[in-house]
Amino acid sequence: MGVKFSMDGKVALVTGASSGLGRHFALTLARAGARVALAARRKDRLHALAREIGEAGGHAMSIALDVVEPQSVIAAVARAAETLGPIDVLVNNSGVANATAALDVTPEEWDGTLDTNLRGAFLMAQAVARDLVARGHHGSSIINIASVTAFRTAGQLAAYAASKAGLVHLTRVLALEWARHGIRVNAIAPGYIETDINRTFFASPAGEAVVRRIPQRRLGRPEDLDGALLLLASEAGQYMTGSVITVDGGHVVSPL
């Protein structure tokens, strides 16, 4: 790993770190040398992940967090910064997705998806940015985890797609406002990445049909996101802000 991609001495906060991509992001940053604050609602899983990182020679702490609750967000950011130091990298990964036909989406389901995926991401970014500005700490990176659905349509994902499209534009707006404070704001837009949650679906005939529409004809693996993550988190991406990196096997450029 080149020196520019190293995370040695850096502090990273990862939301939704108890499972899936959040867990993978936390492990990747820890292996690159970062001290990682693991944040999510399921503290038992966070404790287990912190132990795993520690046993591998890294450093991690777990923090209870509900991104839709402002006081929980403020407390989590304060605890991470007080324990590990100013946050150099925030990975805004917490998210929910419900496959519901638009005609059947309830106001509660709509609000729940937008609250977690968009409002929660903003609250986290704002709390981290406020802490950094107050400390006069420059050179930090906020990485929002968006989705290829921000650019392509998909049935039964109206609320999810809307939230991720909003997150992409929020990324650009915050990048503009916070550049003067030395805070970079970028996003990663993954395509279909295989995880424990979706593995069964993609093994079904319907899931196999989806994979055939991906130009590379395969699902992404969590490690396929490592390059984009470390580029945006490290000094290698220090002149990047307001960027959205799509990692989707060519899905976003596939023909209609």
Protein backbone atom coordinates (compact mmCIF):
# COMPACT_ATOMS: atom_id res chain seq x y z
CA MET A 1 0.00 0.00 0.00
CA GLY A 2 1.42 3.37 -0.97
CA VAL A 3 2.13 5.91 1.74
CA LYS A 4 -0.57 8.22 0.43
CA PHE A 5 -3.21 5.52 0.93
CA SER A 6 -2.10 4.85 4.51
CA MET A 7 -4.47 5.65 7.36
CA ASP A 8 -1.79 5.52 10.06
CA GLY A 9 -2.58 7.96 12.86
CA LYS A 10 -6.02 8.76 11.46
CA VAL A 11 -9.34 8.50 13.31
CA ALA A 12 -12.35 7.10 11.45
CA LEU A 13 -16.00 6.91 12.49
CA VAL A 14 -18.14 4.37 10.62
CA THR A 15 -21.93 4.32 11.04
CA GLY A 16 -23.90 1.13 10.52
CA ALA A 17 -20.73 -0.75 11.41
CA SER A 18 -22.40 -3.75 13.04
CA SER A 19 -22.93 -5.69 9.79
CA GLY A 20 -22.69 -5.72 6.00
CA LEU A 21 -20.73 -3.04 4.22
CA GLY A 22 -20.28 -0.95 7.37
CA ARG A 23 -18.49 -3.82 9.05
CA HIS A 24 -16.32 -4.29 5.99
CA PHE A 25 -15.48 -0.58 5.78
CA ALA A 26 -14.44 -0.56 9.43
CA LEU A 27 -12.15 -3.57 8.94
CA THR A 28 -10.62 -2.05 5.81
CA LEU A 29 -9.83 1.25 7.54
CA ALA A 30 -8.44 -0.52 10.60
CA ARG A 31 -6.16 -2.68 8.44
CA ALA A 32 -4.92 0.51 6.76
CA GLY A 33 -3.90 1.84 10.17
CA ALA A 34 -6.85 3.93 11.34
CA ARG A 35 -8.23 3.97 14.85
CA VAL A 36 -11.91 3.25 14.27
CA ALA A 37 -15.05 4.26 16.15
CA LEU A 38 -17.70 1.64 15.39
CA ALA A 39 -21.20 3.10 15.60
CA ALA A 40 -24.59 1.40 15.29
CA ARG A 41 -27.60 0.37 17.35
CA ARG A 42 -26.52 -3.27 17.90
CA LYS A 43 -23.75 -2.88 20.46
CA ASP A 44 -23.22 -6.62 20.92
CA ARG A 45 -22.04 -6.92 17.32
CA LEU A 46 -19.92 -3.80 17.67
CA HIS A 47 -18.16 -5.24 20.72
CA ALA A 48 -17.38 -8.42 18.80
CA LEU A 49 -16.00 -6.44 15.85
CA ALA A 50 -13.90 -4.24 18.16
CA ARG A 51 -12.40 -7.40 19.68
CA GLU A 52 -11.68 -8.79 16.21
CA ILE A 53 -9.90 -5.60 15.18
CA GLY A 54 -7.96 -5.53 18.45
CA GLU A 55 -6.85 -9.15 18.12
CA ALA A 56 -5.54 -8.32 14.64
CA GLY A 57 -3.38 -5.55 16.08
CA GLY A 58 -5.71 -2.63 15.37
CA HIS A 59 -7.59 -0.23 17.60
CA ALA A 60 -11.36 0.19 17.74
CA MET A 61 -14.08 1.32 20.10
CA SER A 62 -17.84 0.78 19.96
CA ILE A 63 -20.48 3.50 20.33
CA ALA A 64 -24.26 3.15 20.51
CA LEU A 65 -25.83 5.32 17.80
CA ASP A 66 -29.23 5.98 16.28
CA VAL A 67 -28.68 8.33 13.34
CA VAL A 68 -32.27 9.60 13.34
CA GLU A 69 -31.96 10.91 16.92
CA PRO A 70 -30.07 14.24 17.08
CA GLN A 71 -28.94 13.79 20.67
CA SER A 72 -27.64 10.29 19.93
CA VAL A 73 -25.68 11.68 16.99
CA ILE A 74 -24.17 14.54 19.01
CA ALA A 75 -23.24 12.20 21.86
CA ALA A 76 -21.65 9.63 19.53
CA VAL A 77 -19.50 12.21 17.73
CA ALA A 78 -18.42 13.79 21.02
CA ARG A 79 -17.46 10.44 22.54
CA ALA A 80 -15.47 9.37 19.47
CA ALA A 81 -13.61 12.69 19.31
CA GLU A 82 -12.92 12.81 23.05
CA THR A 83 -11.64 9.22 23.14
CA LEU A 84 -9.74 8.91 19.86
CA GLY A 85 -9.16 12.52 18.82
CA PRO A 86 -10.57 14.70 16.03
CA ILE A 87 -12.38 12.66 13.40
CA ASP A 88 -10.38 12.50 10.19
CA VAL A 89 -12.86 10.29 8.32
CA LEU A 90 -16.61 9.86 8.64
CA VAL A 91 -18.17 7.01 6.66
CA ASN A 92 -21.91 7.70 6.48
CA ASN A 93 -23.01 4.13 5.88
CA SER A 94 -26.21 3.68 7.93
CA GLY A 95 -29.12 2.92 5.65
CA VAL A 96 -32.34 1.00 5.18
CA ALA A 97 -34.12 -0.30 2.08
CA ASN A 98 -37.64 -1.65 1.70
CA ALA A 99 -38.88 -3.20 -1.52
CA THR A 100 -42.43 -1.86 -1.79
CA ALA A 101 -44.46 -0.87 -4.82
CA ALA A 102 -44.89 2.91 -4.96
CA LEU A 103 -48.68 2.54 -4.76
CA ASP A 104 -48.29 0.71 -1.46
CA VAL A 105 -45.64 2.80 0.29
CA THR A 106 -47.01 4.20 3.54
CA PRO A 107 -46.11 7.64 4.88
CA GLU A 108 -44.39 5.89 7.79
CA GLU A 109 -42.25 3.75 5.47
CA TRP A 110 -41.36 6.76 3.33
CA ASP A 111 -40.39 8.85 6.37
CA GLY A 112 -38.43 6.00 7.92
CA THR A 113 -36.33 5.50 4.80
CA LEU A 114 -35.67 9.20 4.20
CA ASP A 115 -34.97 9.79 7.91
CA THR A 116 -32.26 7.12 8.07
CA ASN A 117 -30.69 7.43 4.63
CA LEU A 118 -30.78 11.21 4.13
CA ARG A 119 -31.62 13.06 7.33
CA GLY A 120 -29.40 10.76 9.38
CA ALA A 121 -26.48 11.23 7.00
CA PHE A 122 -26.89 15.01 7.22
CA LEU A 123 -27.08 15.00 11.02
CA MET A 124 -23.89 12.93 11.23
CA ALA A 125 -22.03 15.10 8.72
CA GLN A 126 -23.17 18.29 10.45
CA ALA A 127 -22.16 17.07 13.91
CA VAL A 128 -18.72 15.98 12.72
CA ALA A 129 -18.19 19.20 10.77
CA ARG A 130 -19.21 21.36 13.73
CA ASP A 131 -16.73 19.51 15.96
CA LEU A 132 -13.95 19.88 13.39
CA VAL A 133 -14.59 23.59 12.86
CA ALA A 134 -14.67 24.21 16.61
CA ARG A 135 -11.32 22.45 16.98
CA GLY A 136 -9.80 24.14 13.93
CA HIS A 137 -8.97 20.69 12.56
CA HIS A 138 -8.36 20.64 8.79
CA GLY A 139 -7.91 17.83 6.30
CA SER A 140 -10.89 15.62 7.21
CA SER A 141 -13.00 13.56 4.83
CA ILE A 142 -16.71 12.75 4.90
CA ILE A 143 -17.71 9.80 2.71
CA ASN A 144 -21.40 9.27 2.05
CA ILE A 145 -22.47 5.82 0.89
CA ALA A 146 -25.00 6.42 -1.87
CA SER A 147 -26.18 3.90 -4.50
CA VAL A 148 -26.38 3.31 -8.23
CA THR A 149 -30.14 3.78 -7.76
CA ALA A 150 -29.40 7.49 -7.39
CA PHE A 151 -28.81 7.43 -11.16
CA ARG A 152 -30.85 4.48 -12.46
CA THR A 153 -34.49 3.61 -11.85
CA ALA A 154 -35.61 0.41 -10.15
CA GLY A 155 -39.09 -0.81 -9.33
CA GLN A 156 -40.31 -0.96 -5.74
CA LEU A 157 -37.52 1.30 -4.48
CA ALA A 158 -39.10 4.76 -4.70
CA ALA A 159 -38.19 5.90 -1.19
CA TYR A 160 -34.73 4.33 -1.26
CA ALA A 161 -33.84 5.73 -4.70
CA ALA A 162 -35.11 9.19 -3.74
CA SER A 163 -33.06 9.15 -0.53
CA LYS A 164 -29.87 8.16 -2.33
CA ALA A 165 -30.37 10.73 -5.11
CA GLY A 166 -30.82 13.33 -2.39
CA LEU A 167 -27.66 12.11 -0.67
CA VAL A 168 -25.65 12.58 -3.86
CA HIS A 169 -26.77 16.19 -4.20
CA LEU A 170 -26.29 16.80 -0.48
CA THR A 171 -22.72 15.58 -0.92
CA ARG A 172 -22.07 18.26 -3.53
CA VAL A 173 -23.70 21.05 -1.53
CA LEU A 174 -21.74 20.23 1.62
CA ALA A 175 -18.53 19.94 -0.39
CA LEU A 176 -19.05 23.48 -1.62
CA GLU A 177 -19.86 24.92 1.81
CA TRP A 178 -17.19 23.13 3.81
CA ALA A 179 -14.20 23.28 1.49
CA ARG A 180 -13.11 26.50 3.20
CA HIS A 181 -12.94 24.57 6.48
CA GLY A 182 -10.64 21.91 5.05
CA ILE A 183 -13.41 19.28 5.02
CA ARG A 184 -13.78 17.17 1.91
CA VAL A 185 -17.19 15.61 1.18
CA ASN A 186 -17.48 12.84 -1.40
CA ALA A 187 -19.66 9.82 -2.06
CA ILE A 188 -19.36 6.22 -3.20
CA ALA A 189 -22.27 4.84 -5.22
CA PRO A 190 -22.11 1.03 -5.09
CA GLY A 191 -23.97 -1.16 -7.52
CA TYR A 192 -25.20 -4.61 -6.52
CA ILE A 193 -22.77 -5.86 -3.85
CA GLU A 194 -23.21 -9.39 -2.54
CA THR A 195 -23.81 -9.57 1.21
CA ASP A 196 -25.42 -12.03 3.62
CA ILE A 197 -28.73 -10.17 3.30
CA ASN A 198 -29.08 -10.47 -0.49
CA ARG A 199 -27.13 -13.66 -1.28
CA THR A 200 -30.24 -15.86 -1.37
CA PHE A 201 -32.08 -13.51 -3.74
CA PHE A 202 -29.21 -13.30 -6.22
CA ALA A 203 -29.03 -17.10 -6.29
CA SER A 204 -32.68 -17.23 -7.42
CA PRO A 205 -33.81 -17.04 -11.09
CA ALA A 206 -34.95 -13.43 -10.57
CA GLY A 207 -31.62 -12.51 -9.01
CA GLU A 208 -29.66 -14.23 -11.76
CA ALA A 209 -31.60 -12.18 -14.31
CA VAL A 210 -30.51 -9.00 -12.53
CA VAL A 211 -26.86 -10.08 -12.63
CA ARG A 212 -27.07 -10.74 -16.37
CA ARG A 213 -27.94 -7.07 -16.90
CA ILE A 214 -24.68 -5.93 -15.27
CA PRO A 215 -22.07 -5.37 -18.00
CA GLN A 216 -19.40 -7.29 -16.05
CA ARG A 217 -21.95 -10.11 -15.54
CA ARG A 218 -21.18 -10.49 -11.86
CA LEU A 219 -22.08 -9.08 -8.48
CA GLY A 220 -19.68 -6.81 -6.70
CA ARG A 221 -17.79 -8.00 -3.65
CA PRO A 222 -17.32 -5.80 -0.57
CA GLU A 223 -13.59 -5.63 -1.28
CA ASP A 224 -14.36 -4.09 -4.69
CA LEU A 225 -15.18 -0.91 -2.75
CA ASP A 226 -11.84 -0.77 -0.91
CA GLY A 227 -10.02 1.25 -3.56
CA ALA A 228 -12.66 3.99 -3.64
CA LEU A 229 -12.91 4.03 0.15
CA LEU A 230 -9.17 4.39 0.76
CA LEU A 231 -8.78 6.93 -2.06
CA LEU A 232 -11.39 9.22 -0.52
CA ALA A 233 -10.34 8.59 3.08
CA SER A 234 -6.61 9.09 2.66
CA GLU A 235 -4.23 11.81 1.47
CA ALA A 236 -4.34 10.22 -1.99
CA GLY A 237 -7.68 11.96 -2.54
CA GLN A 238 -6.82 15.28 -0.89
CA TYR A 239 -7.82 17.33 -3.97
CA MET A 240 -11.16 15.53 -4.39
CA THR A 241 -14.35 17.01 -3.01
CA GLY A 242 -17.89 16.90 -4.34
CA SER A 243 -17.04 13.75 -6.28
CA VAL A 244 -19.20 10.65 -6.60
CA ILE A 245 -17.38 7.41 -7.41
CA THR A 246 -19.61 4.75 -8.96
CA VAL A 247 -18.48 1.16 -8.28
CA ASP A 248 -21.03 -0.99 -10.09
CA GLY A 249 -19.48 -3.20 -12.76
CA GLY A 250 -20.72 -0.80 -15.43
CA HIS A 251 -24.38 -0.90 -14.37
CA VAL A 252 -24.88 2.86 -14.57
CA VAL A 253 -23.76 2.90 -18.23
CA SER A 254 -25.67 -0.22 -19.27
CA PRO A 255 -28.18 0.23 -22.14
CA LEU A 256 -31.90 0.60 -21.55
